Amino acid sequence: MFNKEKRYITKGVNENLDIRLQIRIWNLIDGLKELMEVDYLQIFRISQINKSRMEIIHKQEIPEYKAIYEIDSQDIVLESDVKIYVIFENDYSVMMFAEEY
């Protein structure tokens, strides 16, 4: 699940989410795969804490998992908080904004 070979992003994510955040999300999923079973749906909430810090909340439902990360975001700006879904379907994964689902 969440194989590195077949990962896709929607047009909305491509145009509106900094590539560094996209890579961070994929890396968080890869790290979780090493620790436990991953659900087909990974949920991320990203919010700007201040000019230089962001918070990423990573969740899944089954098995239940939640982690909160604070990261440096020196020159990454979010207009507002975002919710990202990464969904595994058949043999590929798609990253999208929640409103694109």
PDB file of N, CA and C in Angstrom:
ATOM      1  N   MET A   1       0.840  -1.180   0.000  1.00  0.00           N
ATOM      2  CA  MET A   1       0.000   0.000   0.000  1.00  0.00           C
ATOM      3  C   MET A   1       0.886   1.245   0.000  1.00  0.00           C
ATOM      4  N   PHE A   2       0.464   2.283  -0.711  1.00  0.00           N
ATOM      5  CA  PHE A   2       1.203   3.539  -0.842  1.00  0.00           C
ATOM      6  C   PHE A   2       2.589   3.316  -1.434  1.00  0.00           C
ATOM      7  N   ASN A   3       2.634   2.510  -2.501  1.00  0.00           N
ATOM      8  CA  ASN A   3       3.901   2.252  -3.191  1.00  0.00           C
ATOM      9  C   ASN A   3       4.465   3.541  -3.775  1.00  0.00           C
ATOM     10  N   LYS A   4       5.768   3.657  -3.768  1.00  0.00           N
ATOM     11  CA  LYS A   4       6.425   4.870  -4.258  1.00  0.00           C
ATOM     12  C   LYS A   4       6.335   5.021  -5.771  1.00  0.00           C
ATOM     13  N   GLU A   5       6.119   3.934  -6.487  1.00  0.00           N
ATOM     14  CA  GLU A   5       6.128   3.976  -7.949  1.00  0.00           C
ATOM     15  C   GLU A   5       4.904   4.658  -8.543  1.00  0.00           C
ATOM     16  N   LYS A   6       3.756   4.564  -7.880  1.00  0.00           N
ATOM     17  CA  LYS A   6       2.516   5.082  -8.465  1.00  0.00           C
ATOM     18  C   LYS A   6       1.858   6.072  -7.509  1.00  0.00           C
ATOM     19  N   ARG A   7       2.454   7.248  -7.422  1.00  0.00           N
ATOM     20  CA  ARG A   7       1.940   8.306  -6.563  1.00  0.00           C
ATOM     21  C   ARG A   7       1.537   9.487  -7.432  1.00  0.00           C
ATOM     22  N   TYR A   8       0.337   9.982  -7.176  1.00  0.00           N
ATOM     23  CA  TYR A   8      -0.197  11.069  -7.979  1.00  0.00           C
ATOM     24  C   TYR A   8      -0.707  12.183  -7.073  1.00  0.00           C
ATOM     25  N   ILE A   9      -0.794  13.376  -7.631  1.00  0.00           N
ATOM     26  CA  ILE A   9      -1.379  14.510  -6.928  1.00  0.00           C
ATOM     27  C   ILE A   9      -2.401  15.156  -7.851  1.00  0.00           C
ATOM     28  N   THR A  10      -3.404  15.768  -7.249  1.00  0.00           N
ATOM     29  CA  THR A  10      -4.401  16.460  -8.056  1.00  0.00           C
ATOM     30  C   THR A  10      -3.838  17.795  -8.543  1.00  0.00           C
ATOM     31  N   LYS A  11      -4.516  18.372  -9.499  1.00  0.00           N
ATOM     32  CA  LYS A  11      -4.115  19.677 -10.022  1.00  0.00           C
ATOM     33  C   LYS A  11      -4.129  20.720  -8.902  1.00  0.00           C
ATOM     34  N   GLY A  12      -5.132  20.637  -8.033  1.00  0.00           N
ATOM     35  CA  GLY A  12      -5.229  21.591  -6.926  1.00  0.00           C
ATOM     36  C   GLY A  12      -4.028  21.528  -6.003  1.00  0.00           C
ATOM     37  N   VAL A  13      -3.605  20.329  -5.638  1.00  0.00           N
ATOM     38  CA  VAL A  13      -2.429  20.170  -4.782  1.00  0.00           C
ATOM     39  C   VAL A  13      -1.187  20.647  -5.519  1.00  0.00           C
ATOM     40  N   ASN A  14      -1.059  20.281  -6.774  1.00  0.00           N
ATOM     41  CA  ASN A  14       0.106  20.683  -7.565  1.00  0.00           C
ATOM     42  C   ASN A  14       0.252  22.205  -7.620  1.00  0.00           C
ATOM     43  N   GLU A  15      -0.862  22.898  -7.759  1.00  0.00           N
ATOM     44  CA  GLU A  15      -0.817  24.350  -7.929  1.00  0.00           C
ATOM     45  C   GLU A  15      -0.820  25.126  -6.621  1.00  0.00           C
ATOM     46  N   ASN A  16      -1.303  24.519  -5.536  1.00  0.00           N
ATOM     47  CA  ASN A  16      -1.533  25.295  -4.318  1.00  0.00           C
ATOM     48  C   ASN A  16      -0.831  24.803  -3.057  1.00  0.00           C
ATOM     49  N   LEU A  17      -0.146  23.677  -3.107  1.00  0.00           N
ATOM     50  CA  LEU A  17       0.558  23.177  -1.924  1.00  0.00           C
ATOM     51  C   LEU A  17       2.045  23.093  -2.241  1.00  0.00           C
ATOM     52  N   ASP A  18       2.842  23.786  -1.471  1.00  0.00           N
ATOM     53  CA  ASP A  18       4.293  23.825  -1.685  1.00  0.00           C
ATOM     54  C   ASP A  18       4.853  22.408  -1.826  1.00  0.00           C
ATOM     55  N   ILE A  19       5.748  22.222  -2.781  1.00  0.00           N
ATOM     56  CA  ILE A  19       6.325  20.899  -3.056  1.00  0.00           C
ATOM     57  C   ILE A  19       6.996  20.317  -1.816  1.00  0.00           C
ATOM     58  N   ARG A  20       7.565  21.172  -0.964  1.00  0.00           N
ATOM     59  CA  ARG A  20       8.215  20.675   0.254  1.00  0.00           C
ATOM     60  C   ARG A  20       7.211  20.050   1.214  1.00  0.00           C
ATOM     61  N   LEU A  21       5.995  20.595   1.251  1.00  0.00           N
ATOM     62  CA  LEU A  21       4.951  19.989   2.081  1.00  0.00           C
ATOM     63  C   LEU A  21       4.457  18.685   1.459  1.00  0.00           C
ATOM     64  N   GLN A  22       4.356  18.644   0.142  1.00  0.00           N
ATOM     65  CA  GLN A  22       3.967  17.402  -0.530  1.00  0.00           C
ATOM     66  C   GLN A  22       4.957  16.290  -0.192  1.00  0.00           C
ATOM     67  N   ILE A  23       6.239  16.596  -0.296  1.00  0.00           N
ATOM     68  CA  ILE A  23       7.270  15.595   0.000  1.00  0.00           C
ATOM     69  C   ILE A  23       7.213  15.190   1.463  1.00  0.00           C
ATOM     70  N   ARG A  24       6.996  16.155   2.359  1.00  0.00           N
ATOM     71  CA  ARG A  24       6.905  15.841   3.792  1.00  0.00           C
ATOM     72  C   ARG A  24       5.756  14.868   4.056  1.00  0.00           C
ATOM     73  N   ILE A  25       4.620  15.087   3.419  1.00  0.00           N
ATOM     74  CA  ILE A  25       3.465  14.198   3.603  1.00  0.00           C
ATOM     75  C   ILE A  25       3.796  12.784   3.134  1.00  0.00           C
ATOM     76  N   TRP A  26       4.378  12.645   1.937  1.00  0.00           N
ATOM     77  CA  TRP A  26       4.751  11.300   1.458  1.00  0.00           C
ATOM     78  C   TRP A  26       5.731  10.644   2.433  1.00  0.00           C
ATOM     79  N   ASN A  27       6.688  11.423   2.946  1.00  0.00           N
ATOM     80  CA  ASN A  27       7.669  10.869   3.884  1.00  0.00           C
ATOM     81  C   ASN A  27       7.028  10.429   5.195  1.00  0.00           C
ATOM     82  N   LEU A  28       6.028  11.172   5.670  1.00  0.00           N
ATOM     83  CA  LEU A  28       5.330  10.772   6.896  1.00  0.00           C
ATOM     84  C   LEU A  28       4.593   9.448   6.693  1.00  0.00           C
ATOM     85  N   ILE A  29       3.994   9.276   5.538  1.00  0.00           N
ATOM     86  CA  ILE A  29       3.320   8.006   5.240  1.00  0.00           C
ATOM     87  C   ILE A  29       4.339   6.873   5.177  1.00  0.00           C
ATOM     88  N   ASP A  30       5.458   7.104   4.508  1.00  0.00           N
ATOM     89  CA  ASP A  30       6.504   6.073   4.424  1.00  0.00           C
ATOM     90  C   ASP A  30       7.009   5.689   5.811  1.00  0.00           C
ATOM     91  N   GLY A  31       7.181   6.668   6.685  1.00  0.00           N
ATOM     92  CA  GLY A  31       7.630   6.385   8.046  1.00  0.00           C
ATOM     93  C   GLY A  31       6.605   5.596   8.832  1.00  0.00           C
ATOM     94  N   LEU A  32       5.332   5.913   8.652  1.00  0.00           N
ATOM     95  CA  LEU A  32       4.278   5.190   9.357  1.00  0.00           C
ATOM     96  C   LEU A  32       4.215   3.740   8.899  1.00  0.00           C
ATOM     97  N   LYS A  33       4.433   3.509   7.602  1.00  0.00           N
ATOM     98  CA  LYS A  33       4.415   2.138   7.064  1.00  0.00           C
ATOM     99  C   LYS A  33       5.439   1.251   7.756  1.00  0.00           C
ATOM    100  N   GLU A  34       6.544   1.837   8.197  1.00  0.00           N
ATOM    101  CA  GLU A  34       7.583   1.064   8.877  1.00  0.00           C
ATOM    102  C   GLU A  34       7.191   0.716  10.309  1.00  0.00           C
ATOM    103  N   LEU A  35       6.248   1.473  10.881  1.00  0.00           N
ATOM    104  CA  LEU A  35       5.859   1.278  12.278  1.00  0.00           C
ATOM    105  C   LEU A  35       4.619   0.419  12.465  1.00  0.00           C
ATOM    106  N   MET A  36       3.680   0.524  11.535  1.00  0.00           N
ATOM    107  CA  MET A  36       2.396  -0.148  11.726  1.00  0.00           C
ATOM    108  C   MET A  36       1.666  -0.307  10.400  1.00  0.00           C
ATOM    109  N   GLU A  37       0.550  -0.987  10.464  1.00  0.00           N
ATOM    110  CA  GLU A  37      -0.317  -1.130   9.299  1.00  0.00           C
ATOM    111  C   GLU A  37      -0.929   0.232   8.979  1.00  0.00           C
ATOM    112  N   VAL A  38      -0.999   0.564   7.701  1.00  0.00           N
ATOM    113  CA  VAL A  38      -1.583   1.847   7.318  1.00  0.00           C
ATOM    114  C   VAL A  38      -2.956   1.647   6.699  1.00  0.00           C
ATOM    115  N   ASP A  39      -3.834   2.582   6.985  1.00  0.00           N
ATOM    116  CA  ASP A  39      -5.178   2.598   6.439  1.00  0.00           C
ATOM    117  C   ASP A  39      -5.127   3.124   5.000  1.00  0.00           C
ATOM    118  N   TYR A  40      -6.142   2.822   4.221  1.00  0.00           N
ATOM    119  CA  TYR A  40      -6.188   3.285   2.830  1.00  0.00           C
ATOM    120  C   TYR A  40      -6.349   4.803   2.753  1.00  0.00           C
ATOM    121  N   LEU A  41      -6.806   5.427   3.852  1.00  0.00           N
ATOM    122  CA  LEU A  41      -7.023   6.872   3.895  1.00  0.00           C
ATOM    123  C   LEU A  41      -6.137   7.497   4.965  1.00  0.00           C
ATOM    124  N   GLN A  42      -5.261   8.390   4.535  1.00  0.00           N
ATOM    125  CA  GLN A  42      -4.408   9.150   5.450  1.00  0.00           C
ATOM    126  C   GLN A  42      -4.894  10.599   5.419  1.00  0.00           C
ATOM    127  N   ILE A  43      -5.033  11.198   6.600  1.00  0.00           N
ATOM    128  CA  ILE A  43      -5.583  12.543   6.719  1.00  0.00           C
ATOM    129  C   ILE A  43      -4.528  13.464   7.331  1.00  0.00           C
ATOM    130  N   PHE A  44      -4.344  14.613   6.707  1.00  0.00           N
ATOM    131  CA  PHE A  44      -3.377  15.596   7.195  1.00  0.00           C
ATOM    132  C   PHE A  44      -4.058  16.952   7.303  1.00  0.00           C
ATOM    133  N   ARG A  45      -3.852  17.607   8.436  1.00  0.00           N
ATOM    134  CA  ARG A  45      -4.296  18.995   8.615  1.00  0.00           C
ATOM    135  C   ARG A  45      -3.039  19.833   8.815  1.00  0.00           C
ATOM    136  N   ILE A  46      -2.909  20.861   8.013  1.00  0.00           N
ATOM    137  CA  ILE A  46      -1.718  21.704   8.077  1.00  0.00           C
ATOM    138  C   ILE A  46      -2.156  23.124   8.404  1.00  0.00           C
ATOM    139  N   SER A  47      -1.513  23.705   9.414  1.00  0.00           N
ATOM    140  CA  SER A  47      -1.834  25.078   9.793  1.00  0.00           C
ATOM    141  C   SER A  47      -0.557  25.843  10.110  1.00  0.00           C
ATOM    142  N   GLN A  48      -0.605  27.125   9.841  1.00  0.00           N
ATOM    143  CA  GLN A  48       0.522  28.016  10.109  1.00  0.00           C
ATOM    144  C   GLN A  48       0.424  28.450  11.569  1.00  0.00           C
ATOM    145  N   ILE A  49       1.460  28.184  12.361  1.00  0.00           N
ATOM    146  CA  ILE A  49       1.479  28.606  13.763  1.00  0.00           C
ATOM    147  C   ILE A  49       1.928  30.063  13.844  1.00  0.00           C
ATOM    148  N   ASN A  50       3.009  30.369  13.155  1.00  0.00           N
ATOM    149  CA  ASN A  50       3.523  31.736  13.050  1.00  0.00           C
ATOM    150  C   ASN A  50       4.335  31.823  11.759  1.00  0.00           C
ATOM    151  N   LYS A  51       5.089  32.884  11.588  1.00  0.00           N
ATOM    152  CA  LYS A  51       5.822  33.081  10.328  1.00  0.00           C
ATOM    153  C   LYS A  51       6.827  31.980  10.032  1.00  0.00           C
ATOM    154  N   SER A  52       7.325  31.329  11.071  1.00  0.00           N
ATOM    155  CA  SER A  52       8.402  30.355  10.845  1.00  0.00           C
ATOM    156  C   SER A  52       8.052  28.922  11.242  1.00  0.00           C
ATOM    157  N   ARG A  53       6.818  28.672  11.705  1.00  0.00           N
ATOM    158  CA  ARG A  53       6.450  27.328  12.160  1.00  0.00           C
ATOM    159  C   ARG A  53       5.091  26.919  11.601  1.00  0.00           C
ATOM    160  N   MET A  54       4.986  25.630  11.284  1.00  0.00           N
ATOM    161  CA  MET A  54       3.718  25.031  10.863  1.00  0.00           C
ATOM    162  C   MET A  54       3.452  23.806  11.712  1.00  0.00           C
ATOM    163  N   GLU A  55       2.180  23.474  11.822  1.00  0.00           N
ATOM    164  CA  GLU A  55       1.778  22.254  12.515  1.00  0.00           C
ATOM    165  C   GLU A  55       1.141  21.317  11.498  1.00  0.00           C
ATOM    166  N   ILE A  56       1.571  20.070  11.528  1.00  0.00           N
ATOM    167  CA  ILE A  56       0.970  19.032  10.690  1.00  0.00           C
ATOM    168  C   ILE A  56       0.381  17.989  11.626  1.00  0.00           C
ATOM    169  N   ILE A  57      -0.914  17.751  11.495  1.00  0.00           N
ATOM    170  CA  ILE A  57      -1.578  16.682  12.245  1.00  0.00           C
ATOM    171  C   ILE A  57      -1.847  15.560  11.259  1.00  0.00           C
ATOM    172  N   HIS A  58      -1.330  14.383  11.558  1.00  0.00           N
ATOM    173  CA  HIS A  58      -1.454  13.206  10.686  1.00  0.00           C
ATOM    174  C   HIS A  58      -2.336  12.197  11.402  1.00  0.00           C
ATOM    175  N   LYS A  59      -3.408  11.754  10.727  1.00  0.00           N
ATOM    176  CA  LYS A  59      -4.346  10.804  11.333  1.00  0.00           C
ATOM    177  C   LYS A  59      -4.711   9.699  10.352  1.00  0.00           C
ATOM    178  N   GLN A  60      -5.113   8.580  10.930  1.00  0.00           N
ATOM    179  CA  GLN A  60      -5.789   7.522  10.185  1.00  0.00           C
ATOM    180  C   GLN A  60      -6.792   6.897  11.141  1.00  0.00           C
ATOM    181  N   GLU A  61      -7.783   6.198  10.589  1.00  0.00           N
ATOM    182  CA  GLU A  61      -8.849   5.648  11.426  1.00  0.00           C
ATOM    183  C   GLU A  61      -8.582   4.221  11.877  1.00  0.00           C
ATOM    184  N   ILE A  62      -8.155   3.338  10.958  1.00  0.00           N
ATOM    185  CA  ILE A  62      -7.997   1.917  11.300  1.00  0.00           C
ATOM    186  C   ILE A  62      -6.645   1.422  10.832  1.00  0.00           C
ATOM    187  N   PRO A  63      -5.750   0.987  11.690  1.00  0.00           N
ATOM    188  CA  PRO A  63      -5.848   1.162  13.139  1.00  0.00           C
ATOM    189  C   PRO A  63      -5.696   2.640  13.494  1.00  0.00           C
ATOM    190  N   GLU A  64      -6.271   3.017  14.613  1.00  0.00           N
ATOM    191  CA  GLU A  64      -6.269   4.417  15.008  1.00  0.00           C
ATOM    192  C   GLU A  64      -4.843   4.931  15.191  1.00  0.00           C
ATOM    193  N   TYR A  65      -4.608   6.124  14.657  1.00  0.00           N
ATOM    194  CA  TYR A  65      -3.280   6.736  14.742  1.00  0.00           C
ATOM    195  C   TYR A  65      -3.436   8.244  14.658  1.00  0.00           C
ATOM    196  N   LYS A  66      -2.649   8.941  15.467  1.00  0.00           N
ATOM    197  CA  LYS A  66      -2.607  10.400  15.389  1.00  0.00           C
ATOM    198  C   LYS A  66      -1.233  10.864  15.849  1.00  0.00           C
ATOM    199  N   ALA A  67      -0.632  11.746  15.066  1.00  0.00           N
ATOM    200  CA  ALA A  67       0.654  12.341  15.428  1.00  0.00           C
ATOM    201  C   ALA A  67       0.611  13.821  15.069  1.00  0.00           C
ATOM    202  N   ILE A  68       1.275  14.616  15.885  1.00  0.00           N
ATOM    203  CA  ILE A  68       1.338  16.055  15.652  1.00  0.00           C
ATOM    204  C   ILE A  68       2.800  16.444  15.497  1.00  0.00           C
ATOM    205  N   TYR A  69       3.088  17.147  14.412  1.00  0.00           N
ATOM    206  CA  TYR A  69       4.454  17.572  14.115  1.00  0.00           C
ATOM    207  C   TYR A  69       4.487  19.090  13.991  1.00  0.00           C
ATOM    208  N   GLU A  70       5.542  19.693  14.499  1.00  0.00           N
ATOM    209  CA  GLU A  70       5.820  21.103  14.252  1.00  0.00           C
ATOM    210  C   GLU A  70       7.054  21.166  13.376  1.00  0.00           C
ATOM    211  N   ILE A  71       6.949  21.908  12.295  1.00  0.00           N
ATOM    212  CA  ILE A  71       8.079  21.989  11.363  1.00  0.00           C
ATOM    213  C   ILE A  71       8.438  23.448  11.086  1.00  0.00           C
ATOM    214  N   ASP A  72       9.686  23.668  10.703  1.00  0.00           N
ATOM    215  CA  ASP A  72      10.116  24.994  10.259  1.00  0.00           C
ATOM    216  C   ASP A  72       9.489  25.271   8.899  1.00  0.00           C
ATOM    217  N   SER A  73       9.013  26.485   8.740  1.00  0.00           N
ATOM    218  CA  SER A  73       8.379  26.852   7.465  1.00  0.00           C
ATOM    219  C   SER A  73       8.831  28.239   7.042  1.00  0.00           C
ATOM    220  N   GLN A  74      10.103  28.478   7.148  1.00  0.00           N
ATOM    221  CA  GLN A  74      10.698  29.798   6.919  1.00  0.00           C
ATOM    222  C   GLN A  74      10.034  30.581   5.782  1.00  0.00           C
ATOM    223  N   ASP A  75       9.972  30.013   4.598  1.00  0.00           N
ATOM    224  CA  ASP A  75       9.436  30.761   3.461  1.00  0.00           C
ATOM    225  C   ASP A  75       8.236  30.078   2.811  1.00  0.00           C
ATOM    226  N   ILE A  76       7.571  29.207   3.556  1.00  0.00           N
ATOM    227  CA  ILE A  76       6.339  28.579   3.070  1.00  0.00           C
ATOM    228  C   ILE A  76       5.173  29.330   3.707  1.00  0.00           C
ATOM    229  N   VAL A  77       4.236  29.761   2.886  1.00  0.00           N
ATOM    230  CA  VAL A  77       3.094  30.505   3.401  1.00  0.00           C
ATOM    231  C   VAL A  77       1.812  29.777   3.023  1.00  0.00           C
ATOM    232  N   LEU A  78       0.947  29.585   4.002  1.00  0.00           N
ATOM    233  CA  LEU A  78      -0.389  29.039   3.750  1.00  0.00           C
ATOM    234  C   LEU A  78      -1.383  30.186   3.877  1.00  0.00           C
ATOM    235  N   GLU A  79      -2.271  30.305   2.926  1.00  0.00           N
ATOM    236  CA  GLU A  79      -3.306  31.335   2.994  1.00  0.00           C
ATOM    237  C   GLU A  79      -4.296  31.024   4.113  1.00  0.00           C
ATOM    238  N   SER A  80      -4.549  29.728   4.315  1.00  0.00           N
ATOM    239  CA  SER A  80      -5.444  29.276   5.379  1.00  0.00           C
ATOM    240  C   SER A  80      -5.085  27.830   5.712  1.00  0.00           C
ATOM    241  N   ASP A  81      -5.682  27.315   6.782  1.00  0.00           N
ATOM    242  CA  ASP A  81      -5.450  25.919   7.142  1.00  0.00           C
ATOM    243  C   ASP A  81      -5.939  25.019   6.012  1.00  0.00           C
ATOM    244  N   VAL A  82      -5.250  23.897   5.813  1.00  0.00           N
ATOM    245  CA  VAL A  82      -5.650  22.972   4.753  1.00  0.00           C
ATOM    246  C   VAL A  82      -5.810  21.564   5.306  1.00  0.00           C
ATOM    247  N   LYS A  83      -6.692  20.831   4.671  1.00  0.00           N
ATOM    248  CA  LYS A  83      -6.892  19.423   4.995  1.00  0.00           C
ATOM    249  C   LYS A  83      -6.586  18.633   3.732  1.00  0.00           C
ATOM    250  N   ILE A  84      -5.683  17.667   3.875  1.00  0.00           N
ATOM    251  CA  ILE A  84      -5.223  16.858   2.748  1.00  0.00           C
ATOM    252  C   ILE A  84      -5.613  15.406   2.987  1.00  0.00           C
ATOM    253  N   TYR A  85      -6.121  14.755   1.956  1.00  0.00           N
ATOM    254  CA  TYR A  85      -6.339  13.309   1.982  1.00  0.00           C
ATOM    255  C   TYR A  85      -5.315  12.664   1.061  1.00  0.00           C
ATOM    256  N   VAL A  86      -4.762  11.554   1.505  1.00  0.00           N
ATOM    257  CA  VAL A  86      -3.967  10.706   0.622  1.00  0.00           C
ATOM    258  C   VAL A  86      -4.664   9.356   0.633  1.00  0.00           C
ATOM    259  N   ILE A  87      -5.126   8.939  -0.531  1.00  0.00           N
ATOM    260  CA  ILE A  87      -5.959   7.741  -0.645  1.00  0.00           C
ATOM    261  C   ILE A  87      -5.243   6.692  -1.478  1.00  0.00           C
ATOM    262  N   PHE A  88      -5.241   5.463  -0.959  1.00  0.00           N
ATOM    263  CA  PHE A  88      -4.702   4.336  -1.712  1.00  0.00           C
ATOM    264  C   PHE A  88      -5.875   3.626  -2.355  1.00  0.00           C
ATOM    265  N   GLU A  89      -5.797   3.443  -3.676  1.00  0.00           N
ATOM    266  CA  GLU A  89      -6.869   2.800  -4.417  1.00  0.00           C
ATOM    267  C   GLU A  89      -6.257   1.881  -5.456  1.00  0.00           C
ATOM    268  N   ASN A  90      -6.709   0.647  -5.496  1.00  0.00           N
ATOM    269  CA  ASN A  90      -6.159  -0.354  -6.404  1.00  0.00           C
ATOM    270  C   ASN A  90      -4.652  -0.459  -6.187  1.00  0.00           C
ATOM    271  N   ASP A  91      -3.840   0.036  -7.108  1.00  0.00           N
ATOM    272  CA  ASP A  91      -2.387  -0.062  -6.926  1.00  0.00           C
ATOM    273  C   ASP A  91      -1.706   1.302  -7.011  1.00  0.00           C
ATOM    274  N   TYR A  92      -2.450   2.377  -6.769  1.00  0.00           N
ATOM    275  CA  TYR A  92      -1.865   3.717  -6.822  1.00  0.00           C
ATOM    276  C   TYR A  92      -2.378   4.578  -5.665  1.00  0.00           C
ATOM    277  N   SER A  93      -1.690   5.693  -5.413  1.00  0.00           N
ATOM    278  CA  SER A  93      -2.056   6.623  -4.347  1.00  0.00           C
ATOM    279  C   SER A  93      -2.284   8.006  -4.937  1.00  0.00           C
ATOM    280  N   VAL A  94      -3.241   8.734  -4.357  1.00  0.00           N
ATOM    281  CA  VAL A  94      -3.542  10.087  -4.817  1.00  0.00           C
ATOM    282  C   VAL A  94      -3.580  11.032  -3.619  1.00  0.00           C
ATOM    283  N   MET A  95      -2.872  12.160  -3.737  1.00  0.00           N
ATOM    284  CA  MET A  95      -2.912  13.222  -2.733  1.00  0.00           C
ATOM    285  C   MET A  95      -3.843  14.311  -3.245  1.00  0.00           C
ATOM    286  N   MET A  96      -4.795  14.728  -2.390  1.00  0.00           N
ATOM    287  CA  MET A  96      -5.770  15.733  -2.808  1.00  0.00           C
ATOM    288  C   MET A  96      -6.201  16.578  -1.621  1.00  0.00           C
ATOM    289  N   PHE A  97      -6.704  17.766  -1.911  1.00  0.00           N
ATOM    290  CA  PHE A  97      -7.350  18.550  -0.873  1.00  0.00           C
ATOM    291  C   PHE A  97      -8.671  17.871  -0.533  1.00  0.00           C
ATOM    292  N   ALA A  98      -9.096  17.985   0.719  1.00  0.00           N
ATOM    293  CA  ALA A  98     -10.340  17.338   1.148  1.00  0.00           C
ATOM    294  C   ALA A  98     -11.512  17.766   0.271  1.00  0.00           C
ATOM    295  N   GLU A  99     -11.536  19.022  -0.127  1.00  0.00           N
ATOM    296  CA  GLU A  99     -12.655  19.510  -0.941  1.00  0.00           C
ATOM    297  C   GLU A  99     -12.631  18.975  -2.371  1.00  0.00           C
ATOM    298  N   GLU A 100     -11.537  18.332  -2.769  1.00  0.00           N
ATOM    299  CA  GLU A 100     -11.458  17.727  -4.106  1.00  0.00           C
ATOM    300  C   GLU A 100     -11.978  16.292  -4.107  1.00  0.00           C
ATOM    301  N   TYR A 101     -12.274  15.752  -2.933  1.00  0.00           N
ATOM    302  CA  TYR A 101     -12.697  14.356  -2.820  1.00  0.00           C
ATOM    303  C   TYR A 101     -14.089  14.166  -3.356  1.00  0.00           C
TER     304      TYR A 101
END
